[in-house]
């Protein structure tokens, strides 16, 4: 017995489409993600309507009746689109596709609903609901997608080798859906992804990174990254991350597996933020550990300088992956460079001077840096983790106290170059830089307060040391 979901298709868009296709003797179905998410009770704002016939004509007529502001027509693709209230509605003519090995762009022909369902990536995305008056709301499910939804399985409608070879982006989509929905990729499909991983070379980096970012934004991204690693897809576009995997042992001393440590840090961080770029900072924070790895008989395994080298790598990796090279990249770079600093404070003594320096360098990103570093406290030794977490709370409180007292975050010394030049009658020269650096250092070290009068007196002292003559006495603001 076929299932019917007419009681769930109450939105005006469905009623209007049904009315128009009935008048014009056409067939139309809502298909794909909307149907999947509706059955799973997941919120969705995208509606895909497939028409056996001309999708653009249907879209224009439905748009007119619904009084939408604009119907966008894409004649080359045979699709149309409009926004109606909070919904994104797309119309496409039913089609069948064939592929060439060197491209993921298909050769498209008009087709039937069955042809259209055959070309879908997964059984759970091939589900369709009729919008035709005679069987409105009836589920058309030729591949058992409803059972796969119930069992939590990602499976291709046709032979997975054909599905993935035709459009290799579907391999990343399989992993993305498995991550987002908490589903399992069916074994034959998983094996096929492994066998076809090399086909990812025909996909643009922009398409790849779009899927990867969606995986990173999942509640538990480690699941997706483990699948990317185990299927060898990650090796195709992010070898630096793959290089983190593995444990080496010398004289009974081992280091942790930095790939799985990175995933643990990422998952920890995701409990406290949904910021994509902060999550990227977790992915990148130990990226340069492999080339900085050394073994010392006394100290064991060390990774000295991996934070500086990692920060240098960030622009190169972002450029290759077609990630933004603007302030977002610089933000990630800064957090990678500074990620050891709060940990060092946790392990050592928390001096006001060290806290001031950290506040000065991190600026407005200090809270995000602390979130990253808190997530970076991982160990199989539960007692060790508890001790670190407790010390971390002390550092956090110290940061608040010093910031309140000294106002160091993003600070510029209260005496600038203009005042120095005026006081000593200088043109631009090295002495100005020396005086500014000395004042900043004195404030950070707590030798003088972060105040104009104290900084000005200190400027006069340094000027005297440098043999400069005061030509104009400084005037203090009220």
Protein backbone atom coordinates (compact mmCIF):
# COMPACT_ATOMS: atom_id res chain seq x y z
CA UNK A 1 0.00 0.00 0.00
CA UNK A 2 1.43 3.38 -1.01
CA UNK A 3 1.95 6.07 1.61
CA UNK A 4 0.29 9.46 1.36
CA UNK A 5 1.55 12.70 2.89
CA UNK A 6 -1.19 15.08 1.66
CA UNK A 7 -1.74 16.29 5.24
CA UNK A 8 1.90 17.57 5.30
CA UNK A 9 1.65 19.49 2.00
CA UNK A 10 -0.41 22.39 3.33
CA UNK A 11 1.78 25.26 2.11
CA UNK A 12 0.09 27.51 -0.53
CA UNK A 13 2.90 26.75 -3.03
CA UNK A 14 1.81 23.09 -3.26
CA UNK A 15 -1.87 23.98 -3.66
CA UNK A 16 -1.13 26.46 -6.45
CA UNK A 17 1.20 24.04 -8.31
CA UNK A 18 -1.46 21.33 -8.06
CA UNK A 19 -4.12 23.72 -9.42
CA UNK A 20 -1.99 24.81 -12.42
CA UNK A 21 -0.79 21.31 -13.44
CA UNK A 22 -4.38 20.05 -13.26
CA UNK A 23 -5.57 22.89 -15.54
CA UNK A 24 -2.71 22.30 -17.99
CA UNK A 25 -2.79 18.50 -17.87
CA UNK A 26 0.84 18.29 -16.67
CA UNK A 27 2.57 16.21 -14.01
CA UNK A 28 4.52 17.76 -11.12
CA UNK A 29 6.16 16.35 -8.00
CA UNK A 30 8.00 17.76 -5.01
CA UNK A 31 11.24 15.80 -4.82
CA UNK A 32 14.53 15.41 -2.97
CA UNK A 33 15.66 17.22 0.15
CA UNK A 34 12.28 18.72 1.08
CA UNK A 35 10.62 15.29 1.13
CA UNK A 36 13.54 13.72 3.03
CA UNK A 37 13.62 16.46 5.67
CA UNK A 38 9.84 16.57 6.00
CA UNK A 39 9.75 12.84 6.82
CA UNK A 40 12.67 13.28 9.25
CA UNK A 41 10.97 16.34 10.84
CA UNK A 42 13.98 18.50 10.01
CA UNK A 43 13.41 22.18 9.20
CA UNK A 44 13.86 23.04 5.53
CA UNK A 45 13.23 26.12 3.40
CA UNK A 46 14.11 24.65 -0.04
CA UNK A 47 11.44 23.14 -2.29
CA UNK A 48 12.42 21.37 -5.53
CA UNK A 49 9.55 20.73 -7.93
CA UNK A 50 10.12 18.47 -10.93
CA UNK A 51 7.76 18.87 -13.89
CA UNK A 52 7.18 16.40 -16.68
CA UNK A 53 7.19 19.15 -19.28
CA UNK A 54 8.28 22.79 -19.18
CA UNK A 55 9.30 23.80 -15.65
CA UNK A 56 9.84 27.46 -16.57
CA UNK A 57 6.28 27.98 -17.84
CA UNK A 58 4.87 26.36 -14.69
CA UNK A 59 7.08 28.55 -12.48
CA UNK A 60 5.93 31.76 -14.22
CA UNK A 61 2.24 30.90 -13.87
CA UNK A 62 2.60 29.84 -10.20
CA UNK A 63 4.60 32.99 -9.49
CA UNK A 64 1.85 35.14 -11.03
CA UNK A 65 -0.86 33.51 -8.89
CA UNK A 66 1.25 33.74 -5.73
CA UNK A 67 2.19 37.35 -6.59
CA UNK A 68 5.90 36.83 -6.10
CA UNK A 69 8.13 39.80 -6.94
CA UNK A 70 10.42 38.02 -9.40
CA UNK A 71 10.63 34.64 -11.18
CA UNK A 72 14.21 33.94 -12.32
CA UNK A 73 14.49 31.85 -15.51
CA UNK A 74 17.65 29.90 -16.41
CA UNK A 75 16.95 28.83 -19.98
CA UNK A 76 20.31 27.08 -20.51
CA UNK A 77 19.48 24.73 -17.62
CA UNK A 78 15.73 24.55 -18.08
CA UNK A 79 15.15 25.68 -14.50
CA UNK A 80 13.29 28.50 -12.77
CA UNK A 81 13.31 29.87 -9.25
CA UNK A 82 11.46 32.24 -6.97
CA UNK A 83 11.28 33.22 -3.32
CA UNK A 84 7.88 32.99 -1.66
CA UNK A 85 7.73 34.24 1.93
CA UNK A 86 10.32 32.11 3.74
CA UNK A 87 10.66 29.45 1.02
CA UNK A 88 13.15 29.01 -1.82
CA UNK A 89 11.22 27.30 -4.66
CA UNK A 90 12.92 25.80 -7.72
CA UNK A 91 11.23 24.26 -10.78
CA UNK A 92 12.96 21.93 -13.21
CA UNK A 93 11.79 19.81 -16.10
CA UNK A 94 12.15 16.03 -15.56
CA UNK A 95 15.33 14.88 -17.27
CA UNK A 96 17.71 12.05 -17.86
CA UNK A 97 21.46 12.47 -17.84
CA UNK A 98 24.56 10.85 -19.31
CA UNK A 99 28.17 11.66 -18.45
CA UNK A 100 31.63 11.77 -20.01
CA UNK A 101 34.56 10.57 -17.92
CA UNK A 102 36.45 13.88 -17.98
CA UNK A 103 33.60 16.04 -16.69
CA UNK A 104 30.88 16.03 -14.03
CA UNK A 105 28.66 18.14 -16.34
CA UNK A 106 26.02 15.82 -17.78
CA UNK A 107 24.48 15.64 -21.23
CA UNK A 108 20.82 16.35 -20.44
CA UNK A 109 17.66 15.22 -22.25
CA UNK A 110 13.98 15.57 -21.40
CA UNK A 111 12.72 12.56 -19.47
CA UNK A 112 10.11 11.03 -17.22
CA UNK A 113 9.79 11.15 -13.43
CA UNK A 114 11.51 7.74 -13.34
CA UNK A 115 14.44 9.09 -15.40
CA UNK A 116 14.69 12.00 -12.98
CA UNK A 117 14.69 9.72 -9.93
CA UNK A 118 17.32 7.47 -11.55
CA UNK A 119 19.75 10.41 -11.81
CA UNK A 120 19.45 11.32 -8.10
CA UNK A 121 22.49 10.78 -5.89
CA UNK A 122 20.92 8.77 -3.04
CA UNK A 123 17.73 6.80 -2.42
CA UNK A 124 16.75 9.21 0.38
CA UNK A 125 17.02 12.10 -2.12
CA UNK A 126 15.00 10.30 -4.83
CA UNK A 127 11.76 10.36 -2.81
CA UNK A 128 8.95 12.24 -4.56
CA UNK A 129 5.45 13.32 -3.54
CA UNK A 130 2.78 13.79 -6.20
CA UNK A 131 1.29 17.26 -6.62
CA UNK A 132 -1.25 15.93 -9.16
CA UNK A 133 -4.93 16.15 -8.19
CA UNK A 134 -5.69 12.44 -8.74
CA UNK A 135 -3.05 11.25 -6.20
CA UNK A 136 -1.99 14.43 -4.35
CA UNK A 137 0.56 13.65 -1.60
CA UNK A 138 1.26 10.06 -2.70
CA UNK A 139 4.85 8.90 -2.14
CA UNK A 140 6.73 7.63 -5.20
CA UNK A 141 9.70 5.64 -3.89
CA UNK A 142 11.16 3.26 -6.51
CA UNK A 143 14.41 2.55 -4.60
CA UNK A 144 13.26 1.92 -1.03
CA UNK A 145 14.38 5.34 0.18
CA UNK A 146 11.79 5.39 2.96
CA UNK A 147 13.27 2.19 4.44
CA UNK A 148 16.77 3.69 4.16
CA UNK A 149 15.53 6.75 6.06
CA UNK A 150 14.12 4.50 8.80
CA UNK A 151 17.34 2.46 9.00
CA UNK A 152 19.64 5.50 8.72
CA UNK A 153 21.42 4.36 5.54
CA UNK A 154 23.04 6.33 2.69
CA UNK A 155 22.75 4.30 -0.53
CA UNK A 156 22.82 5.15 -4.24
CA UNK A 157 19.75 4.33 -6.40
CA UNK A 158 21.88 2.69 -9.11
CA UNK A 159 25.33 1.02 -9.16
CA UNK A 160 27.49 3.20 -6.85
CA UNK A 161 30.50 2.90 -9.18
CA UNK A 162 28.47 4.56 -11.94
CA UNK A 163 26.89 7.14 -9.60
CA UNK A 164 30.23 8.25 -8.12
CA UNK A 165 32.29 8.04 -11.29
CA UNK A 166 29.69 10.11 -13.18
CA UNK A 167 29.70 12.88 -10.57
CA UNK A 168 32.50 12.46 -7.99
CA UNK A 169 31.11 15.32 -5.88
CA UNK A 170 28.47 12.81 -4.77
CA UNK A 171 31.15 11.01 -2.73
CA UNK A 172 31.60 14.13 -0.59
CA UNK A 173 27.83 14.57 -0.42
CA UNK A 174 27.47 11.00 0.86
CA UNK A 175 29.86 11.78 3.71
CA UNK A 176 28.21 15.14 4.35
CA UNK A 177 24.74 13.55 4.65
CA UNK A 178 26.11 10.76 6.85
CA UNK A 179 27.64 13.44 9.12
CA UNK A 180 24.61 15.74 9.19
CA UNK A 181 22.02 13.01 9.70
CA UNK A 182 24.10 10.56 11.76
CA UNK A 183 23.53 7.90 9.06
CA UNK A 184 25.73 5.00 7.93
CA UNK A 185 27.00 4.74 4.35
CA UNK A 186 26.02 1.33 2.93
CA UNK A 187 29.06 -0.99 2.59
CA UNK A 188 29.08 -1.31 -1.24
CA UNK A 189 28.73 2.45 -1.52
CA UNK A 190 31.58 3.02 0.94
CA UNK A 191 33.82 0.59 -0.98
CA UNK A 192 32.96 2.39 -4.21
CA UNK A 193 33.93 5.78 -2.71
CA UNK A 194 37.32 4.33 -1.77
CA UNK A 195 37.78 2.94 -5.31
CA UNK A 196 36.73 6.20 -6.98
CA UNK A 197 38.49 8.67 -4.65
CA UNK A 198 40.96 9.65 -7.43
CA UNK A 199 38.01 10.91 -9.53
CA UNK A 200 37.79 13.90 -7.19
CA UNK A 201 40.52 15.46 -9.37
CA UNK A 202 37.88 16.62 -11.89
CA UNK A 203 35.97 18.56 -9.21
CA UNK A 204 36.75 22.23 -8.58
CA UNK A 205 38.19 23.19 -5.20
CA UNK A 206 35.26 25.58 -4.69
CA UNK A 207 32.78 22.66 -4.91
CA UNK A 208 34.93 20.48 -2.66
CA UNK A 209 35.36 23.10 0.04
CA UNK A 210 31.64 23.91 0.02
CA UNK A 211 30.90 20.30 1.05
CA UNK A 212 33.81 20.20 3.51
CA UNK A 213 32.56 23.37 5.24
CA UNK A 214 29.14 21.75 5.64
CA UNK A 215 30.83 18.76 7.28
CA UNK A 216 32.80 21.09 9.58
CA UNK A 217 29.52 22.76 10.63
CA UNK A 218 27.96 19.44 11.72
CA UNK A 219 27.41 18.80 15.43
CA UNK A 220 30.21 16.22 15.43
CA UNK A 221 32.52 16.83 12.44
CA UNK A 222 35.02 14.13 13.47
CA UNK A 223 32.64 11.52 12.03
CA UNK A 224 32.87 13.13 8.58
CA UNK A 225 36.65 13.58 8.72
CA UNK A 226 37.19 9.95 9.70
CA UNK A 227 35.14 8.91 6.66
CA UNK A 228 37.07 11.34 4.45
CA UNK A 229 40.34 9.88 5.73
CA UNK A 230 39.34 6.20 5.55
CA UNK A 231 38.00 6.53 1.99
CA UNK A 232 41.18 8.40 0.88
CA UNK A 233 39.15 11.43 -0.22
CA UNK A 234 40.97 13.65 2.29
CA UNK A 235 44.31 12.63 0.72
CA UNK A 236 43.11 14.11 -2.58
CA UNK A 237 42.71 17.69 -1.36
CA UNK A 238 44.18 18.05 2.17
CA UNK A 239 47.35 15.91 2.45
CA UNK A 240 48.74 18.04 5.29
CA UNK A 241 45.91 16.89 7.54
CA UNK A 242 46.47 13.24 6.54
CA UNK A 243 50.15 13.60 7.50
CA UNK A 244 49.09 14.17 11.12
CA UNK A 245 47.93 10.55 11.37
CA UNK A 246 50.13 7.94 13.05
CA UNK A 247 52.09 7.22 16.22
CA UNK A 248 55.85 6.76 16.45
CA UNK A 249 57.59 5.04 19.36
CA UNK A 250 61.28 5.26 20.31
CA UNK A 251 62.70 3.70 23.48
CA UNK A 252 59.19 3.05 24.74
CA UNK A 253 58.16 6.69 24.36
CA UNK A 254 55.26 7.47 22.01
CA UNK A 255 53.59 10.69 20.89
CA UNK A 256 49.83 10.98 20.47
CA UNK A 257 48.16 10.49 17.09
CA UNK A 258 47.81 14.12 16.05
CA UNK A 259 45.12 13.42 13.45
CA UNK A 260 42.73 11.95 16.01
CA UNK A 261 43.82 14.54 18.58
CA UNK A 262 42.85 17.28 16.09
CA UNK A 263 39.42 15.68 15.62
CA UNK A 264 38.95 15.47 19.38
CA UNK A 265 39.83 19.17 19.74
CA UNK A 266 37.41 20.01 16.89
CA UNK A 267 34.55 18.07 18.51
CA UNK A 268 35.31 19.64 21.91
CA UNK A 269 35.23 23.11 20.38
CA UNK A 270 31.96 22.41 18.54
CA UNK A 271 30.21 22.04 21.90
CA UNK A 272 30.82 25.77 22.49
CA UNK A 273 30.72 27.42 19.07
CA UNK A 274 29.18 27.10 15.62
CA UNK A 275 31.65 29.61 14.12
CA UNK A 276 33.11 28.08 10.95
CA UNK A 277 36.44 29.93 11.16
CA UNK A 278 37.02 29.12 14.81
CA UNK A 279 36.41 25.47 13.86
CA UNK A 280 38.95 25.86 11.03
CA UNK A 281 41.42 27.10 13.66
CA UNK A 282 40.99 23.80 15.50
CA UNK A 283 41.65 21.88 12.26
CA UNK A 284 44.79 23.92 11.57
CA UNK A 285 46.20 24.36 15.09
CA UNK A 286 48.64 21.41 14.94
CA UNK A 287 48.95 21.18 11.14
CA UNK A 288 52.74 21.73 11.16
CA UNK A 289 53.56 19.11 13.80
CA UNK A 290 54.90 16.47 11.33
CA UNK A 291 57.84 18.56 9.99
CA UNK A 292 58.71 19.89 13.48
CA UNK A 293 58.69 16.48 15.19
CA UNK A 294 61.93 15.60 17.03
CA UNK A 295 62.92 12.96 19.59
CA UNK A 296 65.01 13.92 22.59
CA UNK A 297 66.28 11.28 25.01
CA UNK A 298 65.39 13.43 28.03
CA UNK A 299 62.31 15.34 26.87
CA UNK A 300 60.85 12.65 24.60
CA UNK A 301 58.88 13.86 21.56
CA UNK A 302 58.86 17.60 20.84
CA UNK A 303 57.22 19.78 18.19
CA UNK A 304 59.04 23.07 18.80
CA UNK A 305 57.88 25.93 16.59
CA UNK A 306 54.90 24.08 15.09
CA UNK A 307 52.63 27.02 15.97
CA UNK A 308 54.78 29.52 14.01
CA UNK A 309 55.25 27.20 11.03
CA UNK A 310 51.53 26.33 11.10
CA UNK A 311 50.65 30.04 10.99
CA UNK A 312 52.93 30.43 7.93
CA UNK A 313 51.18 27.51 6.23
CA UNK A 314 47.65 28.93 6.72
CA UNK A 315 47.70 31.34 3.70
CA UNK A 316 49.15 28.67 1.39
CA UNK A 317 46.58 26.04 2.41
CA UNK A 318 43.68 28.54 2.29
CA UNK A 319 44.74 29.65 -1.19
CA UNK A 320 44.93 26.08 -2.49
CA UNK A 321 41.57 25.11 -0.98
CA UNK A 322 39.93 28.30 -2.33
CA UNK A 323 39.11 29.48 1.17
CA UNK A 324 38.89 33.28 1.71
CA UNK A 325 42.21 35.13 1.92
CA UNK A 326 40.77 38.11 3.81
CA UNK A 327 40.32 38.82 7.54
CA UNK A 328 38.96 35.26 8.06
CA UNK A 329 42.29 33.76 6.99
CA UNK A 330 44.21 36.24 9.18
CA UNK A 331 41.97 35.34 12.12
CA UNK A 332 42.73 31.61 11.71
CA UNK A 333 46.43 32.42 11.27
CA UNK A 334 46.47 34.43 14.50
CA UNK A 335 44.77 31.69 16.55
CA UNK A 336 47.14 29.03 15.16
CA UNK A 337 50.14 31.20 16.07
CA UNK A 338 48.90 31.93 19.60
CA UNK A 339 47.26 28.60 20.52
CA UNK A 340 50.09 27.48 22.83
CA UNK A 341 50.26 30.69 24.83
CA UNK A 342 47.31 30.14 27.22
CA UNK A 343 48.38 26.49 27.65
CA UNK A 344 51.87 27.71 28.65
CA UNK A 345 50.24 29.93 31.29
CA UNK A 346 48.23 26.96 32.57
CA UNK A 347 51.41 24.90 32.94
CA UNK A 348 53.54 27.68 34.44
CA UNK A 349 53.12 30.71 36.67
CA UNK A 350 50.44 33.19 35.64
CA UNK A 351 52.22 36.57 35.84
CA UNK A 352 50.49 39.86 35.08
CA UNK A 353 53.15 40.57 32.47
CA UNK A 354 52.48 37.33 30.53
CA UNK A 355 48.73 37.97 30.69
CA UNK A 356 49.18 41.56 29.41
CA UNK A 357 51.24 40.32 26.46
CA UNK A 358 48.63 37.72 25.58
CA UNK A 359 45.81 40.28 25.77
CA UNK A 360 47.81 42.71 23.62
CA UNK A 361 48.50 40.15 20.87
CA UNK A 362 45.12 38.41 20.85
CA UNK A 363 43.06 41.61 21.02
CA UNK A 364 39.33 41.06 20.45
CA UNK A 365 39.99 37.40 19.57
CA UNK A 366 41.10 36.51 23.11
CA UNK A 367 37.77 34.85 23.99
CA UNK A 368 37.88 32.67 20.87
CA UNK A 369 41.53 31.81 21.56
CA UNK A 370 40.57 30.69 25.07
CA UNK A 371 37.78 28.51 23.67
CA UNK A 372 40.25 26.87 21.26
CA UNK A 373 42.82 26.30 23.99
CA UNK A 374 40.26 24.90 26.39
CA UNK A 375 39.19 22.42 23.69
CA UNK A 376 42.88 21.55 23.16
CA UNK A 377 43.16 20.09 26.67
CA UNK A 378 42.89 16.38 25.84
CA UNK A 379 44.39 13.35 27.54
CA UNK A 380 43.47 9.77 28.37
CA UNK A 381 44.48 10.67 31.94
CA UNK A 382 41.25 12.06 33.42
CA UNK A 383 43.03 13.47 36.50
CA UNK A 384 45.46 15.39 34.25
CA UNK A 385 42.58 16.89 32.23
CA UNK A 386 40.74 17.97 35.42
CA UNK A 387 43.90 19.61 36.77
CA UNK A 388 44.52 21.47 33.50
CA UNK A 389 40.88 22.58 33.30
CA UNK A 390 41.07 23.93 36.86
CA UNK A 391 44.27 25.86 36.08
CA UNK A 392 42.64 27.10 32.89
CA UNK A 393 39.84 28.66 34.96
CA UNK A 394 42.51 30.50 37.01
CA UNK A 395 44.06 31.88 33.78
CA UNK A 396 40.60 32.98 32.54
CA UNK A 397 39.92 34.84 35.79
CA UNK A 398 43.39 36.42 35.65
CA UNK A 399 42.72 37.62 32.09
CA UNK A 400 39.50 39.30 33.22
CA UNK A 401 41.17 40.94 36.22
CA UNK A 402 44.19 42.28 34.26
CA UNK A 403 41.99 43.50 31.39
CA UNK A 404 39.74 45.36 33.84
CA UNK A 405 42.73 46.95 35.61
CA UNK A 406 45.05 47.74 32.68
CA UNK A 407 42.77 47.93 29.59
CA UNK A 408 45.39 46.18 27.47
CA UNK A 409 43.20 44.48 24.86
CA UNK A 410 43.94 46.07 21.44
CA UNK A 411 45.77 48.85 23.26
CA UNK A 412 47.96 51.46 21.61
CA UNK A 413 50.41 53.17 24.00
CA UNK A 414 48.93 56.49 25.20
CA UNK A 415 51.94 58.34 23.74
CA UNK A 416 52.13 58.23 19.95
CA UNK A 417 54.66 59.25 17.31
CA UNK A 418 53.18 62.72 16.83
CA UNK A 419 53.70 63.68 20.49
CA UNK A 420 57.26 62.30 20.47
CA UNK A 421 58.16 64.30 17.33
CA UNK A 422 56.61 67.50 18.75
CA UNK A 423 58.28 67.15 22.16
CA UNK A 424 61.79 66.55 20.80
CA UNK A 425 61.50 68.44 17.49
CA UNK A 426 62.13 65.29 15.45
CA UNK A 427 61.48 64.34 11.84
CA UNK A 428 60.63 60.65 11.18
CA UNK A 429 63.59 58.61 12.50
CA UNK A 430 64.61 55.45 14.39
CA UNK A 431 64.46 57.15 17.78
CA UNK A 432 60.67 57.50 17.53
CA UNK A 433 60.28 53.72 17.04
CA UNK A 434 62.68 53.05 19.93
CA UNK A 435 60.71 55.31 22.32
CA UNK A 436 57.32 53.82 21.30
CA UNK A 437 58.63 50.25 21.72
CA UNK A 438 60.14 51.05 25.14
CA UNK A 439 56.87 52.60 26.37
CA UNK A 440 54.83 49.61 25.15
CA UNK A 441 57.28 47.18 26.78
CA UNK A 442 57.17 49.09 30.09
CA UNK A 443 53.35 48.96 30.14
CA UNK A 444 53.31 45.23 29.32
CA UNK A 445 55.89 44.53 32.01
CA UNK A 446 53.90 46.55 34.54
CA UNK A 447 56.71 49.08 35.08
CA UNK A 448 54.30 51.94 34.36
CA UNK A 449 50.48 52.05 34.22
CA UNK A 450 48.67 52.28 30.88
CA UNK A 451 48.01 56.01 31.37
CA UNK A 452 49.01 59.16 29.47
CA UNK A 453 50.79 61.02 32.31
CA UNK A 454 52.92 58.01 33.33
CA UNK A 455 53.76 57.19 29.69
CA UNK A 456 54.69 60.83 28.95
CA UNK A 457 57.08 61.02 31.91
CA UNK A 458 58.62 57.73 30.78
CA UNK A 459 59.00 59.18 27.25
CA UNK A 460 60.96 62.13 28.69
CA UNK A 461 63.22 59.72 30.61
CA UNK A 462 63.98 57.66 27.49
CA UNK A 463 64.57 60.85 25.46
CA UNK A 464 67.15 61.95 28.01
CA UNK A 465 68.88 58.54 27.80
CA UNK A 466 69.01 58.90 23.99
CA UNK A 467 70.50 62.43 24.30
CA UNK A 468 67.43 64.19 22.89
CA UNK A 469 66.50 67.77 23.80
CA UNK A 470 62.97 68.81 24.75
CA UNK A 471 61.90 71.64 22.42
CA UNK A 472 58.25 71.78 23.47
CA UNK A 473 56.89 70.71 26.84
CA UNK A 474 54.09 68.11 26.44
CA UNK A 475 50.55 69.31 27.18
CA UNK A 476 48.28 66.83 28.96
CA UNK A 477 44.64 66.43 28.03
CA UNK A 478 42.13 67.23 30.78
